[in-house]
Protein backbone atom coordinates (compact mmCIF):
# COMPACT_ATOMS: atom_id res chain seq x y z
CA MET A 1 56.06 17.91 60.09
CA ILE A 2 56.34 14.48 58.49
CA PHE A 3 53.29 12.35 57.75
CA VAL A 4 54.00 8.63 57.83
CA VAL A 5 51.55 6.42 55.98
CA GLY A 6 51.39 2.78 54.96
CA TRP A 7 52.26 1.08 51.69
CA HIS A 8 48.60 0.31 51.07
CA ILE A 9 47.85 3.87 49.94
CA VAL A 10 48.88 3.11 46.37
CA ALA A 11 46.43 0.23 46.35
CA LEU A 12 43.70 2.52 47.63
CA ILE A 13 44.31 4.99 44.82
CA THR A 14 43.79 2.26 42.24
CA GLN A 15 40.67 0.78 43.83
CA PRO A 16 37.29 1.79 42.31
CA HIS A 17 35.88 2.90 45.67
CA SER A 18 38.59 5.53 45.97
CA VAL A 19 37.29 7.44 42.95
CA PHE A 20 34.87 9.86 44.57
CA ASP A 21 31.55 9.90 42.69
CA PHE A 22 30.16 13.44 42.59
CA LEU A 23 27.07 12.37 40.65
CA VAL A 24 25.45 9.76 42.88
CA PRO A 25 22.04 9.03 41.32
CA THR A 26 18.89 9.70 43.29
CA SER A 27 18.06 6.00 43.00
CA ASN A 28 20.87 5.28 45.45
CA LEU A 29 19.02 7.17 48.17
CA PRO A 30 16.20 5.65 50.27
CA LEU A 31 12.90 6.17 48.45
CA SER A 32 11.31 7.80 51.47
CA GLU A 33 14.12 10.38 51.54
CA SER A 34 14.42 11.22 47.84
CA VAL A 35 12.31 14.37 47.68
CA SER A 36 14.61 16.68 45.72
CA SER A 37 15.97 16.73 42.18
CA ASP A 38 19.41 17.29 43.72
CA PRO A 39 20.88 14.07 45.18
CA TRP A 40 23.35 16.07 47.30
CA GLU A 41 20.51 18.00 48.98
CA ASP A 42 18.83 14.70 49.84
CA PHE A 43 22.14 13.32 51.09
CA SER A 44 22.80 16.32 53.34
CA ASN A 45 19.33 15.99 54.87
CA ILE A 46 19.88 12.28 55.60
CA PHE A 47 23.36 13.02 56.96
CA ARG A 48 22.06 15.50 59.52
CA ARG A 49 19.17 13.33 60.68
CA GLY A 50 21.65 10.58 61.52
CA GLN A 51 19.28 7.58 61.26
CA GLN A 52 19.20 6.39 57.65
CA PRO A 53 22.30 4.68 56.22
CA LEU A 54 24.27 6.85 53.80
CA PRO A 55 24.78 6.04 50.09
CA GLN A 56 28.11 4.21 49.89
CA ALA A 57 29.66 6.50 47.27
CA TRP A 58 29.51 9.44 49.68
CA ALA A 59 29.60 7.51 52.96
CA ASP A 60 33.29 6.67 52.47
CA VAL A 61 34.23 10.37 52.58
CA PHE A 62 31.53 12.02 54.68
CA GLY A 63 30.35 9.15 56.89
CA PRO A 64 33.14 9.66 59.48
CA LEU A 65 31.95 13.26 59.95
CA ARG A 66 28.48 12.23 61.04
CA LYS A 67 29.18 11.34 64.66
CA GLY A 68 32.08 11.90 67.02
CA THR A 69 34.13 8.94 68.25
CA VAL A 70 35.96 10.71 71.09
CA ASP A 71 33.06 12.78 72.41
CA ASP A 72 30.01 14.59 71.06
CA LEU A 73 32.01 16.84 68.72
CA VAL A 74 33.38 16.31 65.22
CA ILE A 75 36.25 18.67 64.37
CA VAL A 76 37.53 18.66 60.78
CA GLY A 77 40.54 20.52 59.44
CA GLN A 78 40.99 21.11 55.73
CA ILE A 79 43.79 22.40 53.58
CA GLY A 80 44.26 22.68 49.83
CA GLN A 81 47.82 22.52 48.53
CA SER A 82 50.14 21.78 45.62
CA LEU A 83 52.15 18.58 45.17
CA ASP A 84 55.09 20.30 46.85
CA GLY A 85 53.05 21.29 49.89
CA ARG A 86 52.40 24.96 49.05
CA ILE A 87 49.13 26.75 49.73
CA ALA A 88 50.04 29.96 47.88
CA THR A 89 52.76 31.53 45.75
CA GLU A 90 55.42 33.75 47.32
CA SER A 91 53.24 36.76 46.52
CA GLY A 92 50.35 35.17 48.44
CA HIS A 93 48.20 34.29 45.41
CA SER A 94 46.15 31.12 45.91
CA LYS A 95 43.00 31.36 43.75
CA TYR A 96 42.72 28.61 42.90
CA ILE A 97 45.22 25.87 43.63
CA ASN A 98 42.57 23.16 43.68
CA GLY A 99 40.35 22.40 40.73
CA PRO A 100 36.54 22.69 40.49
CA ALA A 101 35.91 19.28 42.07
CA GLY A 102 38.19 20.14 44.99
CA LEU A 103 36.37 23.42 45.56
CA LEU A 104 33.02 21.63 45.38
CA HIS A 105 34.25 19.26 48.09
CA LEU A 106 35.06 22.24 50.33
CA HIS A 107 31.56 23.67 49.87
CA ARG A 108 30.02 20.28 50.63
CA LEU A 109 32.05 20.15 53.83
CA ARG A 110 30.67 23.56 54.77
CA ALA A 111 27.12 22.38 54.10
CA LEU A 112 27.51 19.50 56.57
CA MET A 113 29.04 21.59 59.36
CA ASP A 114 27.45 23.67 62.10
CA ALA A 115 30.28 26.21 61.99
CA VAL A 116 33.21 27.21 59.76
CA VAL A 117 36.24 28.71 61.51
CA VAL A 118 39.08 30.82 60.09
CA GLY A 119 41.91 32.78 61.62
CA VAL A 120 42.05 36.54 61.35
CA GLY A 121 45.03 36.42 58.96
CA THR A 122 42.98 34.49 56.40
CA ALA A 123 39.93 36.69 57.02
CA ILE A 124 41.97 39.82 56.25
CA ALA A 125 44.04 38.44 53.35
CA ASP A 126 41.27 36.60 51.49
CA ASP A 127 38.12 38.35 52.76
CA PRO A 128 36.17 35.07 52.33
CA LEU A 129 32.41 34.73 52.33
CA LEU A 130 32.54 31.28 53.99
CA THR A 131 29.13 30.47 52.54
CA VAL A 132 27.77 27.39 50.74
CA ARG A 133 27.45 28.38 47.08
CA LYS A 134 28.58 25.49 44.88
CA CYS A 135 26.07 22.96 46.22
CA ALA A 136 22.76 22.80 48.05
CA GLY A 137 22.69 22.76 51.82
CA PRO A 138 22.26 24.91 54.93
CA GLN A 139 24.63 27.76 55.70
CA PRO A 140 26.96 27.18 58.66
CA ALA A 141 27.75 29.74 61.32
CA ARG A 142 30.84 31.80 60.41
CA VAL A 143 33.52 32.15 63.07
CA VAL A 144 36.73 34.19 63.10
CA ILE A 145 39.54 33.84 65.64
CA ASP A 146 40.72 37.41 66.17
CA PRO A 147 42.57 37.86 69.49
CA LYS A 148 43.38 41.56 68.95
CA GLY A 149 40.23 42.72 67.16
CA ARG A 150 41.98 43.37 63.84
CA LEU A 151 39.17 42.40 61.44
CA GLY A 152 37.25 45.34 60.03
CA ALA A 153 33.49 45.69 60.31
CA ASP A 154 33.18 45.54 56.50
CA ALA A 155 34.58 42.00 56.28
CA ARG A 156 32.39 39.89 53.99
CA MET A 157 32.11 37.07 56.53
CA PHE A 158 30.33 39.55 58.83
CA ALA A 159 27.57 40.19 56.25
CA ASP A 160 24.12 39.59 57.69
CA ASN A 161 22.48 36.80 55.69
CA GLY A 162 20.50 35.22 58.51
CA VAL A 163 23.14 32.90 59.97
CA ARG A 164 25.15 33.22 63.16
CA ARG A 165 28.42 35.15 62.99
CA VAL A 166 30.87 34.79 65.85
CA LEU A 167 34.00 36.76 66.78
CA ILE A 168 36.34 34.96 69.19
CA THR A 169 38.79 37.35 70.80
CA GLU A 170 41.04 37.82 73.80
CA GLN A 171 39.32 38.86 77.00
CA GLY A 172 39.47 42.62 77.39
CA THR A 173 40.05 43.37 73.70
CA CYS A 174 38.11 46.36 72.39
CA CYS A 175 36.16 45.18 69.33
CA ALA A 176 33.70 47.03 67.12
CA PRO A 177 32.08 44.46 64.85
CA PRO A 178 28.78 45.16 63.06
CA PRO A 179 25.49 44.70 64.93
CA GLY A 180 24.42 41.09 65.39
CA ILE A 181 27.91 39.63 65.77
CA GLU A 182 28.29 37.37 68.79
CA ILE A 183 31.51 38.07 70.71
CA ILE A 184 33.25 35.42 72.80
CA GLY A 185 36.15 36.53 74.99
CA LEU A 186 38.72 33.94 76.05
CA PRO A 187 41.95 34.15 78.06
CA ALA A 188 45.11 34.25 75.96
CA VAL A 189 48.62 32.95 76.52
CA ASP A 190 51.33 34.87 74.64
CA GLY A 191 48.61 36.41 72.51
CA GLN A 192 47.22 33.02 71.42
CA LEU A 193 43.85 31.46 72.21
CA ALA A 194 43.93 27.76 73.03
CA PRO A 195 42.20 25.61 70.36
CA SER A 196 40.56 23.51 73.09
CA ALA A 197 39.09 26.64 74.70
CA ILE A 198 37.80 27.85 71.32
CA LEU A 199 36.08 24.54 70.63
CA ALA A 200 34.62 24.34 74.14
CA ALA A 201 33.15 27.82 73.67
CA LEU A 202 31.61 26.87 70.32
CA ALA A 203 30.22 23.66 71.81
CA GLY A 204 28.64 25.83 74.50
CA CYS A 205 26.93 27.73 71.67
CA GLY A 206 25.46 24.47 70.38
CA MET A 207 27.92 23.85 67.53
CA ARG A 208 28.83 20.17 67.26
CA ARG A 209 30.35 19.71 63.79
CA ILE A 210 33.05 22.30 63.22
CA LEU A 211 35.23 22.90 60.16
CA ILE A 212 38.63 24.54 60.74
CA GLU A 213 39.00 25.93 57.23
CA GLY A 214 42.13 28.04 57.43
CA GLY A 215 44.59 29.38 57.16
CA ALA A 216 47.58 27.11 57.45
CA ASN A 217 48.69 28.52 60.81
CA THR A 218 45.22 28.01 62.31
CA VAL A 219 44.81 24.45 61.00
CA SER A 220 48.35 23.64 62.20
CA ARG A 221 47.65 24.96 65.70
CA PHE A 222 44.52 22.82 66.03
CA LEU A 223 46.44 19.79 64.73
CA SER A 224 49.33 20.35 67.14
CA ALA A 225 46.91 20.72 70.05
CA GLY A 226 45.23 17.37 69.32
CA CYS A 227 41.97 19.11 68.46
CA LEU A 228 41.10 17.52 65.11
CA ASP A 229 39.15 14.33 64.43
CA ARG A 230 39.85 14.38 60.69
CA LEU A 231 42.15 16.29 58.39
CA HIS A 232 41.23 16.62 54.72
CA VAL A 233 44.28 17.48 52.62
CA MET A 234 43.30 18.21 49.01
CA VAL A 235 46.36 17.97 46.77
CA ALA A 236 46.34 19.53 43.31
CA PRO A 237 48.54 18.24 40.46
CA ILE A 238 50.64 21.41 40.31
CA ILE A 239 54.09 22.40 41.60
CA LEU A 240 54.55 25.97 42.83
CA GLY A 241 58.21 25.64 43.73
CA ALA A 242 58.08 28.30 46.43
CA GLY A 243 55.49 30.01 48.57
CA GLY A 244 53.48 29.54 51.73
CA PRO A 245 53.79 26.09 53.31
CA GLY A 246 50.79 23.97 54.22
CA LEU A 247 51.07 22.47 57.69
CA ILE A 248 53.53 24.20 60.02
CA MET A 249 54.45 22.01 62.98
CA PRO A 250 57.13 21.91 65.68
CA SER A 251 60.38 20.49 64.36
CA LEU A 252 61.40 16.89 65.05
CA GLU A 253 64.82 15.40 65.59
CA ARG A 254 63.93 11.97 64.20
CA ALA A 255 61.58 10.77 61.48
CA ASP A 256 60.23 8.02 63.73
CA GLN A 257 58.81 10.74 66.00
CA ALA A 258 56.40 11.85 63.27
CA LEU A 259 52.66 11.77 63.73
CA ARG A 260 51.36 8.53 62.26
CA MET A 261 47.70 8.06 61.37
CA PRO A 262 45.28 5.82 59.45
CA MET A 263 44.12 7.38 56.22
CA ARG A 264 42.15 6.88 53.03
CA VAL A 265 42.81 8.36 49.61
CA HIS A 266 40.14 9.48 47.14
CA LYS A 267 40.41 10.80 43.59
CA VAL A 268 38.37 14.03 43.43
CA GLY A 269 38.32 15.28 39.85
CA ASP A 270 41.93 16.16 39.02
CA ASP A 271 42.82 16.48 42.73
CA VAL A 272 43.57 13.80 45.33
CA LEU A 273 42.00 13.91 48.78
CA PHE A 274 43.97 12.51 51.71
CA ASP A 275 41.42 11.83 54.47
CA CYS A 276 43.46 11.50 57.69
CA ASP A 277 41.94 9.93 60.79
CA LEU A 278 43.29 11.79 63.84
CA SER A 279 40.81 10.48 66.39
CA ALA A 280 43.49 8.50 68.24
CA GLN A 281 45.33 11.76 69.01
CA ARG A 282 42.25 13.91 69.66
CA VAL A 283 41.83 15.25 73.18
CA ALA A 284 38.40 15.07 74.83
CA LEU A 285 36.56 18.37 74.46
CA GLY A 286 33.02 17.83 75.75
CA ILE A 287 29.44 17.88 74.55
CA ALA A 288 27.60 20.53 72.57
CA ARG A 289 24.90 22.27 74.58
CA LYS A 290 22.40 21.62 71.82
CA SER A 291 22.48 20.09 68.37
CA THR A 292 22.18 22.57 65.50
């Protein structure tokens, strides 16, 4: 997969607005909304209500996630990688490629979403919590795509902490998750569940903002299917040399066949965030049954 971008990216990197301010003062928030000592908590509350304008320092990055442009849904993919496009070493070690500011950005994304989705490979290999811990904000529903029911009942993402937990599997698969896990069965083709069907099912559960967090295969499948509004690629200033690749896409014969997209670049601590706008390629998916 080749990403083609314009010459203006270098200019964006050097512009002041591209340096992402993680310490926006409370004074930048509307007085009627500033009720917390944590500016991010106030921001997340304003973001979800959808009426007040957002502080500019955070609006550049998170504003596009507030409301869908294709339909009612906002689907965001994210991936953290090295300069040479690796998400892990050859042994599979990946904690942590991105720096503290990059990890904080991931947790802020989680806090703004209704649901966080991972594939079963990531759920088994990393055993993630998928919770919001590095910032204030509500906990999103945790969703795993597990066509064959491979994830064990002791997976940490299944822990009961009061939020919805969803297992999406192939119709007819025998699953034995812990009590309280919602199970959604979908038809499969060659053992794979269609990204559009997964998102339609989550929309039917009332989930409107959805983060496709990983792993690389899962994010790549949603990208290939035209099921992402935005893609956040967080690049760390390291070179791994070998290891797991980031985005894995069908091969192309010619460079001019590559997916081309508008994008913005933001400095996030020592990392660089490439915020890719994929709305022009996104297929229509529908409307969430209810807003969460």
